[in-house]
N, C-alpha and C. Protein backbone atom coordinates (compact mmCIF):
# COMPACT_ATOMS: atom_id res chain seq x y z
N MET A 1 70.82 82.79 82.17
CA MET A 1 72.10 82.53 81.54
C MET A 1 73.17 83.43 82.17
N ILE A 2 74.33 82.83 82.46
CA ILE A 2 75.43 83.55 83.11
C ILE A 2 76.21 84.31 82.04
N PRO A 3 76.39 85.61 82.27
CA PRO A 3 77.17 86.39 81.30
C PRO A 3 78.60 85.86 81.19
N LEU A 4 79.14 85.96 80.01
CA LEU A 4 80.47 85.44 79.73
C LEU A 4 81.55 86.13 80.57
N GLN A 5 81.33 87.39 80.89
CA GLN A 5 82.32 88.12 81.68
C GLN A 5 82.44 87.53 83.08
N ILE A 6 81.35 87.08 83.66
CA ILE A 6 81.39 86.48 85.00
C ILE A 6 82.16 85.17 84.95
N VAL A 7 81.98 84.41 83.90
CA VAL A 7 82.71 83.15 83.76
C VAL A 7 84.21 83.42 83.66
N TYR A 8 84.60 84.40 82.87
CA TYR A 8 86.02 84.74 82.75
C TYR A 8 86.57 85.26 84.08
N ALA A 9 85.80 86.04 84.79
CA ALA A 9 86.23 86.57 86.08
C ALA A 9 86.43 85.42 87.07
N ALA A 10 85.50 84.46 87.07
CA ALA A 10 85.62 83.32 87.98
C ALA A 10 86.87 82.50 87.65
N LYS A 11 87.15 82.29 86.38
CA LYS A 11 88.35 81.55 85.99
C LYS A 11 89.61 82.28 86.44
N PHE A 12 89.60 83.60 86.28
CA PHE A 12 90.76 84.40 86.69
C PHE A 12 90.97 84.31 88.20
N VAL A 13 89.88 84.42 88.97
CA VAL A 13 89.98 84.36 90.43
C VAL A 13 90.50 83.00 90.87
N LEU A 14 90.01 81.93 90.27
CA LEU A 14 90.46 80.60 90.65
C LEU A 14 91.93 80.39 90.29
N LYS A 15 92.32 80.86 89.12
CA LYS A 15 93.71 80.72 88.69
C LYS A 15 94.62 81.56 89.59
N ASP A 16 94.20 82.78 89.91
CA ASP A 16 94.98 83.65 90.77
C ASP A 16 95.07 83.07 92.18
N GLY A 17 93.98 82.50 92.67
CA GLY A 17 93.99 81.87 93.99
C GLY A 17 94.95 80.71 94.06
N ALA A 18 95.00 79.93 93.00
CA ALA A 18 95.93 78.79 92.97
C ALA A 18 97.37 79.27 93.00
N SER A 19 97.67 80.33 92.29
CA SER A 19 99.05 80.83 92.29
C SER A 19 99.39 81.44 93.64
N GLN A 20 98.41 82.03 94.32
CA GLN A 20 98.68 82.58 95.64
C GLN A 20 98.97 81.48 96.64
N ILE A 21 98.29 80.37 96.53
CA ILE A 21 98.55 79.24 97.42
C ILE A 21 99.95 78.70 97.14
N GLN A 22 100.32 78.64 95.88
CA GLN A 22 101.62 78.11 95.50
C GLN A 22 102.75 79.01 95.99
N PHE A 23 102.56 80.30 95.94
CA PHE A 23 103.61 81.25 96.32
C PHE A 23 103.30 81.95 97.64
N GLY A 24 102.46 81.37 98.46
CA GLY A 24 102.11 81.96 99.75
C GLY A 24 103.28 82.07 100.70
N TRP A 25 104.27 81.23 100.53
CA TRP A 25 105.44 81.28 101.41
C TRP A 25 106.22 82.57 101.23
N ILE A 26 106.10 83.20 100.07
CA ILE A 26 106.82 84.45 99.83
C ILE A 26 106.28 85.53 100.76
N GLY A 27 104.96 85.60 100.89
CA GLY A 27 104.36 86.57 101.81
C GLY A 27 104.76 86.30 103.25
N ALA A 28 104.79 85.04 103.64
CA ALA A 28 105.19 84.68 105.00
C ALA A 28 106.65 85.05 105.24
N ALA A 29 107.50 84.78 104.27
CA ALA A 29 108.92 85.11 104.41
C ALA A 29 109.12 86.62 104.50
N PHE A 30 108.38 87.38 103.70
CA PHE A 30 108.49 88.83 103.75
C PHE A 30 108.02 89.37 105.09
N THR A 31 106.96 88.80 105.63
CA THR A 31 106.45 89.22 106.94
C THR A 31 107.48 88.94 108.02
N LEU A 32 108.07 87.76 108.01
CA LEU A 32 109.08 87.42 109.01
C LEU A 32 110.32 88.31 108.87
N LEU A 33 110.74 88.59 107.64
CA LEU A 33 111.87 89.47 107.42
C LEU A 33 111.59 90.88 107.92
N SER A 34 110.40 91.38 107.64
CA SER A 34 110.01 92.72 108.10
C SER A 34 110.00 92.79 109.62
N PHE A 35 109.46 91.76 110.26
CA PHE A 35 109.42 91.73 111.72
C PHE A 35 110.83 91.67 112.30
N ALA A 36 111.70 90.89 111.70
CA ALA A 36 113.09 90.80 112.18
C ALA A 36 113.80 92.14 112.05
N ILE A 37 113.57 92.84 110.95
CA ILE A 37 114.18 94.17 110.77
C ILE A 37 113.64 95.14 111.81
N PHE A 38 112.35 95.08 112.09
CA PHE A 38 111.75 95.96 113.09
C PHE A 38 112.35 95.69 114.47
N VAL A 39 112.47 94.43 114.85
CA VAL A 39 113.04 94.09 116.16
C VAL A 39 114.49 94.55 116.24
N ALA A 40 115.26 94.36 115.19
CA ALA A 40 116.65 94.81 115.17
C ALA A 40 116.74 96.33 115.30
N TRP A 41 115.83 97.04 114.65
CA TRP A 41 115.81 98.50 114.71
C TRP A 41 115.49 98.98 116.13
N VAL A 42 114.55 98.34 116.78
CA VAL A 42 114.20 98.72 118.16
C VAL A 42 115.36 98.43 119.09
N ILE A 43 116.00 97.28 118.94
CA ILE A 43 117.15 96.96 119.78
C ILE A 43 118.27 97.98 119.56
N TRP A 44 118.52 98.34 118.31
CA TRP A 44 119.56 99.33 117.99
C TRP A 44 119.24 100.67 118.65
N ALA A 45 117.96 101.06 118.63
CA ALA A 45 117.57 102.35 119.18
C ALA A 45 117.76 102.41 120.70
N TYR A 46 117.62 101.28 121.38
CA TYR A 46 117.71 101.25 122.83
C TYR A 46 119.07 100.76 123.35
N LEU A 47 120.05 100.66 122.49
CA LEU A 47 121.39 100.30 122.95
C LEU A 47 121.93 101.38 123.88
N PRO A 48 122.66 101.00 124.91
CA PRO A 48 123.22 102.00 125.82
C PRO A 48 124.14 103.01 125.11
N SER A 49 124.80 102.60 124.04
CA SER A 49 125.68 103.52 123.32
C SER A 49 124.90 104.61 122.58
N ARG A 50 123.60 104.42 122.38
CA ARG A 50 122.78 105.42 121.68
C ARG A 50 122.07 106.36 122.65
N LYS A 51 122.30 106.21 123.95
CA LYS A 51 121.57 107.00 124.95
C LYS A 51 121.79 108.50 124.77
N GLN A 52 123.01 108.92 124.57
CA GLN A 52 123.29 110.35 124.44
C GLN A 52 122.62 110.93 123.19
N ALA A 53 122.66 110.21 122.09
CA ALA A 53 122.03 110.69 120.87
C ALA A 53 120.52 110.80 121.05
N MET A 54 119.93 109.85 121.75
CA MET A 54 118.48 109.90 121.99
C MET A 54 118.11 111.06 122.91
N GLU A 55 118.95 111.33 123.92
CA GLU A 55 118.67 112.47 124.81
C GLU A 55 118.79 113.79 124.06
N GLU A 56 119.76 113.90 123.17
CA GLU A 56 119.90 115.11 122.35
C GLU A 56 118.69 115.28 121.44
N ALA A 57 118.22 114.20 120.85
CA ALA A 57 117.05 114.27 119.97
C ALA A 57 115.81 114.63 120.77
N ALA A 58 115.72 114.18 122.02
CA ALA A 58 114.56 114.50 122.85
C ALA A 58 114.54 115.98 123.22
N ARG A 59 115.71 116.62 123.28
CA ARG A 59 115.77 118.05 123.64
C ARG A 59 115.57 118.97 122.45
N LEU A 60 115.56 118.47 121.24
CA LEU A 60 115.46 119.32 120.05
C LEU A 60 114.27 120.28 120.08
N PRO A 61 113.07 119.86 120.45
CA PRO A 61 111.95 120.82 120.45
C PRO A 61 112.13 121.96 121.43
N PHE A 62 112.94 121.77 122.47
CA PHE A 62 113.13 122.81 123.47
C PHE A 62 114.35 123.69 123.19
N ASP A 63 115.13 123.35 122.21
CA ASP A 63 116.30 124.12 121.82
C ASP A 63 115.98 125.09 120.69
N ASP A 64 114.84 125.71 120.77
CA ASP A 64 114.37 126.61 119.72
C ASP A 64 115.16 127.91 119.78
N GLN A 65 115.87 128.26 118.71
CA GLN A 65 116.72 129.43 118.68
C GLN A 65 116.01 130.70 118.20
N ASP A 66 114.95 130.54 117.39
CA ASP A 66 114.32 131.71 116.79
C ASP A 66 113.02 132.12 117.49
N GLY A 67 112.77 131.65 118.68
CA GLY A 67 111.61 132.08 119.43
C GLY A 67 110.30 131.50 118.97
N GLY A 68 110.30 130.46 118.18
CA GLY A 68 109.06 129.81 117.75
C GLY A 68 108.49 130.33 116.45
N ALA A 69 109.19 131.24 115.77
CA ALA A 69 108.70 131.75 114.50
C ALA A 69 108.85 130.69 113.43
N ALA A 70 107.83 130.53 112.65
CA ALA A 70 107.85 129.49 111.61
C ALA A 70 108.50 129.97 110.35
């Protein structure tokens, strides 16, 4: 005999699976939006107008004023 808890769990999984299929486009839209934001961020970082700021940021570890004391 199948315990009642397993039956309830199976019903929940099936119901949850059906709702995920119905709203699966939300996950796809979020993934595409996230990827678009990432691509825009990378393009922004490599714009020629940002070159000086990136070079200054690259020199930060070598511009140590206190001799390396933490």
